[in-house]
Amino acid sequence: MLLTPDFLRFQHDLRMRRDGATTFVFDPIRRKEVVCTPEELLRQLVLRYLLDEKKYPSHRIRVELGLTLNGMPRRSDIVVYDKAINPWLVIECKSPKVVLTQSTFEQAAKYNMQFRAPFLCITNGMATFCCALDFEQGTFRYLDDFPGFPSG
């Protein structure tokens, strides 16, 4: 199921700065400025959505978390941890120029094989897909929204 959260409405909340031809955006999770590429801009808008709209606690979110896949270093865009500090949601952000395809979903699913988070999302800002995963049954179902952060 295609989700359509309006990430752009959080653009005014971003702290941005220009230095010559380079634009930087402040990442509230990493607590530093990073170069503002199209993918980074989307990642920051998704973070604002998670923090402001969905009320996810910032101390449960990690950005660009390193992992090794087939002996190669990779980075997962956003990983949200539950209260027991288990990976709970993995989000893969793509540039708005990248069309989300089956291979995009497979990339995110491969990353999640290490995390085994019960929720997985992919977005390019214009299209967003969120799934609940059942590892024991080997199934998934699309969600109509990002999951609410667990209260228990």
C-alpha atoms as a PDB file:
ATOM      1  CA  MET A   1       0.000   0.000   0.000  1.00  0.00           C
ATOM      2  CA  LEU A   2       1.400   3.359  -1.060  1.00  0.00           C
ATOM      3  CA  LEU A   3       1.655   5.929   1.747  1.00  0.00           C
ATOM      4  CA  THR A   4       1.679   9.644   1.076  1.00  0.00           C
ATOM      5  CA  PRO A   5       2.983  11.439   4.173  1.00  0.00           C
ATOM      6  CA  ASP A   6       3.649  15.110   3.468  1.00  0.00           C
ATOM      7  CA  PHE A   7       7.313  15.241   4.432  1.00  0.00           C
ATOM      8  CA  LEU A   8       7.753  18.675   2.799  1.00  0.00           C
ATOM      9  CA  ARG A   9       5.606  20.346   5.452  1.00  0.00           C
ATOM     10  CA  PHE A  10       8.551  19.820   7.838  1.00  0.00           C
ATOM     11  CA  GLN A  11      11.009  21.641   5.579  1.00  0.00           C
ATOM     12  CA  HIS A  12      10.638  24.903   7.573  1.00  0.00           C
ATOM     13  CA  ASP A  13      11.830  23.006  10.695  1.00  0.00           C
ATOM     14  CA  LEU A  14      15.194  22.125   9.142  1.00  0.00           C
ATOM     15  CA  ARG A  15      18.260  24.124  10.148  1.00  0.00           C
ATOM     16  CA  MET A  16      20.142  24.784   6.924  1.00  0.00           C
ATOM     17  CA  ARG A  17      23.270  26.796   6.128  1.00  0.00           C
ATOM     18  CA  ARG A  18      25.144  27.642   2.944  1.00  0.00           C
ATOM     19  CA  ASP A  19      28.918  27.793   2.713  1.00  0.00           C
ATOM     20  CA  GLY A  20      29.838  28.871  -0.794  1.00  0.00           C
ATOM     21  CA  ALA A  21      28.216  26.402  -3.193  1.00  0.00           C
ATOM     22  CA  THR A  22      27.599  23.782  -0.476  1.00  0.00           C
ATOM     23  CA  THR A  23      24.435  23.570   1.590  1.00  0.00           C
ATOM     24  CA  PHE A  24      24.487  21.919   4.997  1.00  0.00           C
ATOM     25  CA  VAL A  25      21.581  20.654   7.092  1.00  0.00           C
ATOM     26  CA  PHE A  26      21.694  20.000  10.825  1.00  0.00           C
ATOM     27  CA  ASP A  27      20.954  16.385  11.755  1.00  0.00           C
ATOM     28  CA  PRO A  28      19.260  16.320  15.198  1.00  0.00           C
ATOM     29  CA  ILE A  29      20.116  12.648  15.731  1.00  0.00           C
ATOM     30  CA  ARG A  30      23.819  12.814  14.849  1.00  0.00           C
ATOM     31  CA  ARG A  31      23.921  16.360  16.328  1.00  0.00           C
ATOM     32  CA  LYS A  32      26.019  17.763  13.513  1.00  0.00           C
ATOM     33  CA  GLU A  33      25.747  19.465  10.153  1.00  0.00           C
ATOM     34  CA  VAL A  34      25.913  17.231   7.084  1.00  0.00           C
ATOM     35  CA  VAL A  35      26.087  18.034   3.373  1.00  0.00           C
ATOM     36  CA  CYS A  36      22.562  18.423   2.046  1.00  0.00           C
ATOM     37  CA  THR A  37      22.247  16.005  -0.886  1.00  0.00           C
ATOM     38  CA  PRO A  38      18.758  15.146  -2.217  1.00  0.00           C
ATOM     39  CA  GLU A  39      18.823  11.871  -0.237  1.00  0.00           C
ATOM     40  CA  GLU A  40      20.047  13.630   2.917  1.00  0.00           C
ATOM     41  CA  LEU A  41      17.322  16.257   2.622  1.00  0.00           C
ATOM     42  CA  LEU A  42      14.707  13.502   2.442  1.00  0.00           C
ATOM     43  CA  ARG A  43      16.308  11.663   5.387  1.00  0.00           C
ATOM     44  CA  GLN A  44      16.091  14.846   7.477  1.00  0.00           C
ATOM     45  CA  LEU A  45      12.458  15.414   6.480  1.00  0.00           C
ATOM     46  CA  VAL A  46      11.620  11.817   7.425  1.00  0.00           C
ATOM     47  CA  LEU A  47      13.374  12.316  10.770  1.00  0.00           C
ATOM     48  CA  ARG A  48      11.286  15.453  11.434  1.00  0.00           C
ATOM     49  CA  TYR A  49       8.160  13.449  10.570  1.00  0.00           C
ATOM     50  CA  LEU A  50       9.147  10.663  12.968  1.00  0.00           C
ATOM     51  CA  LEU A  51      10.018  13.080  15.774  1.00  0.00           C
ATOM     52  CA  ASP A  52       7.281  15.705  15.359  1.00  0.00           C
ATOM     53  CA  GLU A  53       4.341  13.812  13.880  1.00  0.00           C
ATOM     54  CA  LYS A  54       4.801  10.243  15.102  1.00  0.00           C
ATOM     55  CA  LYS A  55       6.459  11.293  18.407  1.00  0.00           C
ATOM     56  CA  TYR A  56       9.240   8.703  18.182  1.00  0.00           C
ATOM     57  CA  PRO A  57      11.815   9.327  20.944  1.00  0.00           C
ATOM     58  CA  SER A  58      15.037  10.736  19.466  1.00  0.00           C
ATOM     59  CA  HIS A  59      17.215   8.569  21.701  1.00  0.00           C
ATOM     60  CA  ARG A  60      15.754   5.457  20.003  1.00  0.00           C
ATOM     61  CA  ILE A  61      16.780   6.545  16.488  1.00  0.00           C
ATOM     62  CA  ARG A  62      20.112   5.966  14.742  1.00  0.00           C
ATOM     63  CA  VAL A  63      21.107   7.384  11.365  1.00  0.00           C
ATOM     64  CA  GLU A  64      23.467   5.815   8.818  1.00  0.00           C
ATOM     65  CA  LEU A  65      24.064   2.790  10.978  1.00  0.00           C
ATOM     66  CA  GLY A  66      26.916   0.689   9.597  1.00  0.00           C
ATOM     67  CA  LEU A  67      26.502  -2.967   8.744  1.00  0.00           C
ATOM     68  CA  THR A  68      28.313  -5.585   6.660  1.00  0.00           C
ATOM     69  CA  LEU A  69      26.484  -7.301   3.820  1.00  0.00           C
ATOM     70  CA  ASN A  70      28.256 -10.035   1.847  1.00  0.00           C
ATOM     71  CA  GLY A  71      31.576  -8.783   3.216  1.00  0.00           C
ATOM     72  CA  MET A  72      30.894  -5.228   2.037  1.00  0.00           C
ATOM     73  CA  PRO A  73      30.348  -2.266   4.361  1.00  0.00           C
ATOM     74  CA  ARG A  74      26.907  -0.686   3.993  1.00  0.00           C
ATOM     75  CA  ARG A  75      24.843   1.905   5.847  1.00  0.00           C
ATOM     76  CA  SER A  76      21.206   1.738   6.763  1.00  0.00           C
ATOM     77  CA  ASP A  77      19.573   5.176   6.557  1.00  0.00           C
ATOM     78  CA  ILE A  78      17.391   5.137   9.678  1.00  0.00           C
ATOM     79  CA  VAL A  79      16.980   2.467  12.359  1.00  0.00           C
ATOM     80  CA  VAL A  80      14.496   2.920  15.196  1.00  0.00           C
ATOM     81  CA  TYR A  81      14.898   0.828  18.338  1.00  0.00           C
ATOM     82  CA  ASP A  82      12.128  -0.264  20.697  1.00  0.00           C
ATOM     83  CA  LYS A  83      12.262   0.207  24.463  1.00  0.00           C
ATOM     84  CA  ALA A  84      14.191  -3.063  24.862  1.00  0.00           C
ATOM     85  CA  ILE A  85      16.826  -1.622  22.458  1.00  0.00           C
ATOM     86  CA  ASN A  86      15.950  -4.094  19.702  1.00  0.00           C
ATOM     87  CA  PRO A  87      15.791  -2.885  16.092  1.00  0.00           C
ATOM     88  CA  TRP A  88      12.113  -2.149  15.517  1.00  0.00           C
ATOM     89  CA  LEU A  89      11.890  -0.171  12.256  1.00  0.00           C
ATOM     90  CA  VAL A  90      14.333   0.131   9.354  1.00  0.00           C
ATOM     91  CA  ILE A  91      13.810   2.977   6.875  1.00  0.00           C
ATOM     92  CA  GLU A  92      15.630   3.223   3.564  1.00  0.00           C
ATOM     93  CA  CYS A  93      15.574   6.685   1.950  1.00  0.00           C
ATOM     94  CA  LYS A  94      16.276   7.181  -1.741  1.00  0.00           C
ATOM     95  CA  SER A  95      16.702  10.347  -3.742  1.00  0.00           C
ATOM     96  CA  PRO A  96      13.403  11.622  -5.182  1.00  0.00           C
ATOM     97  CA  LYS A  97      14.981  10.929  -8.606  1.00  0.00           C
ATOM     98  CA  VAL A  98      15.167   7.187  -7.811  1.00  0.00           C
ATOM     99  CA  VAL A  99      12.083   5.190  -8.719  1.00  0.00           C
ATOM    100  CA  LEU A 100      11.195   2.665  -6.023  1.00  0.00           C
ATOM    101  CA  THR A 101      11.314  -0.815  -7.521  1.00  0.00           C
ATOM    102  CA  GLN A 102      11.369  -4.389  -6.325  1.00  0.00           C
ATOM    103  CA  SER A 103      15.174  -4.185  -6.138  1.00  0.00           C
ATOM    104  CA  THR A 104      14.898  -1.155  -3.816  1.00  0.00           C
ATOM    105  CA  PHE A 105      12.667  -3.158  -1.509  1.00  0.00           C
ATOM    106  CA  GLU A 106      15.039  -6.145  -1.734  1.00  0.00           C
ATOM    107  CA  GLN A 107      18.006  -3.928  -0.769  1.00  0.00           C
ATOM    108  CA  ALA A 108      16.161  -2.728   2.337  1.00  0.00           C
ATOM    109  CA  ALA A 109      15.070  -6.299   3.116  1.00  0.00           C
ATOM    110  CA  LYS A 110      18.685  -7.513   2.848  1.00  0.00           C
ATOM    111  CA  TYR A 111      19.780  -4.812   5.282  1.00  0.00           C
ATOM    112  CA  ASN A 112      16.999  -5.856   7.612  1.00  0.00           C
ATOM    113  CA  MET A 113      18.140  -9.493   7.582  1.00  0.00           C
ATOM    114  CA  GLN A 114      20.830  -8.388  10.048  1.00  0.00           C
ATOM    115  CA  PHE A 115      18.515  -6.205  12.118  1.00  0.00           C
ATOM    116  CA  ARG A 116      15.405  -8.411  11.994  1.00  0.00           C
ATOM    117  CA  ALA A 117      13.214  -5.390  12.714  1.00  0.00           C
ATOM    118  CA  PRO A 118       9.488  -6.181  12.543  1.00  0.00           C
ATOM    119  CA  PHE A 119       8.825  -3.063  10.417  1.00  0.00           C
ATOM    120  CA  LEU A 120      10.461  -1.947   7.175  1.00  0.00           C
ATOM    121  CA  CYS A 121       9.864   1.216   5.129  1.00  0.00           C
ATOM    122  CA  ILE A 122      11.256   2.583   1.887  1.00  0.00           C
ATOM    123  CA  THR A 123      10.680   6.093   0.566  1.00  0.00           C
ATOM    124  CA  ASN A 124      11.825   8.492  -2.120  1.00  0.00           C
ATOM    125  CA  GLY A 125       9.628  11.260  -0.699  1.00  0.00           C
ATOM    126  CA  MET A 126       6.981  10.913  -3.385  1.00  0.00           C
ATOM    127  CA  ALA A 127       6.265   7.234  -2.754  1.00  0.00           C
ATOM    128  CA  THR A 128       6.521   5.494   0.620  1.00  0.00           C
ATOM    129  CA  PHE A 129       5.890   1.856   1.451  1.00  0.00           C
ATOM    130  CA  CYS A 130       5.779   0.481   4.988  1.00  0.00           C
ATOM    131  CA  CYS A 131       5.508  -3.212   5.868  1.00  0.00           C
ATOM    132  CA  ALA A 132       5.024  -5.332   8.958  1.00  0.00           C
ATOM    133  CA  LEU A 133       7.208  -8.432   8.737  1.00  0.00           C
ATOM    134  CA  ASP A 134       6.576 -11.881  10.194  1.00  0.00           C
ATOM    135  CA  PHE A 135       9.915 -13.687  10.156  1.00  0.00           C
ATOM    136  CA  GLU A 136       8.521 -16.972  11.481  1.00  0.00           C
ATOM    137  CA  GLN A 137       5.880 -17.209   8.765  1.00  0.00           C
ATOM    138  CA  GLY A 138       8.082 -15.596   6.105  1.00  0.00           C
ATOM    139  CA  THR A 139       5.324 -13.101   5.252  1.00  0.00           C
ATOM    140  CA  PHE A 140       4.714  -9.366   5.229  1.00  0.00           C
ATOM    141  CA  ARG A 141       1.766  -7.033   4.975  1.00  0.00           C
ATOM    142  CA  TYR A 142       1.660  -3.442   3.825  1.00  0.00           C
ATOM    143  CA  LEU A 143       0.651  -0.805   6.373  1.00  0.00           C
ATOM    144  CA  ASP A 144      -1.434   2.294   5.747  1.00  0.00           C
ATOM    145  CA  ASP A 145       0.850   4.440   7.946  1.00  0.00           C
ATOM    146  CA  PHE A 146       4.156   4.318   9.769  1.00  0.00           C
ATOM    147  CA  PRO A 147       3.717   2.205  12.893  1.00  0.00           C
ATOM    148  CA  GLY A 148       3.072   3.978  16.189  1.00  0.00           C
ATOM    149  CA  PHE A 149       6.005   3.735  18.584  1.00  0.00           C
ATOM    150  CA  PRO A 150       5.331   0.916  21.104  1.00  0.00           C
ATOM    151  CA  SER A 151       4.179   2.190  24.471  1.00  0.00           C
ATOM    152  CA  GLY A 152       5.030  -0.930  26.462  1.00  0.00           C
END
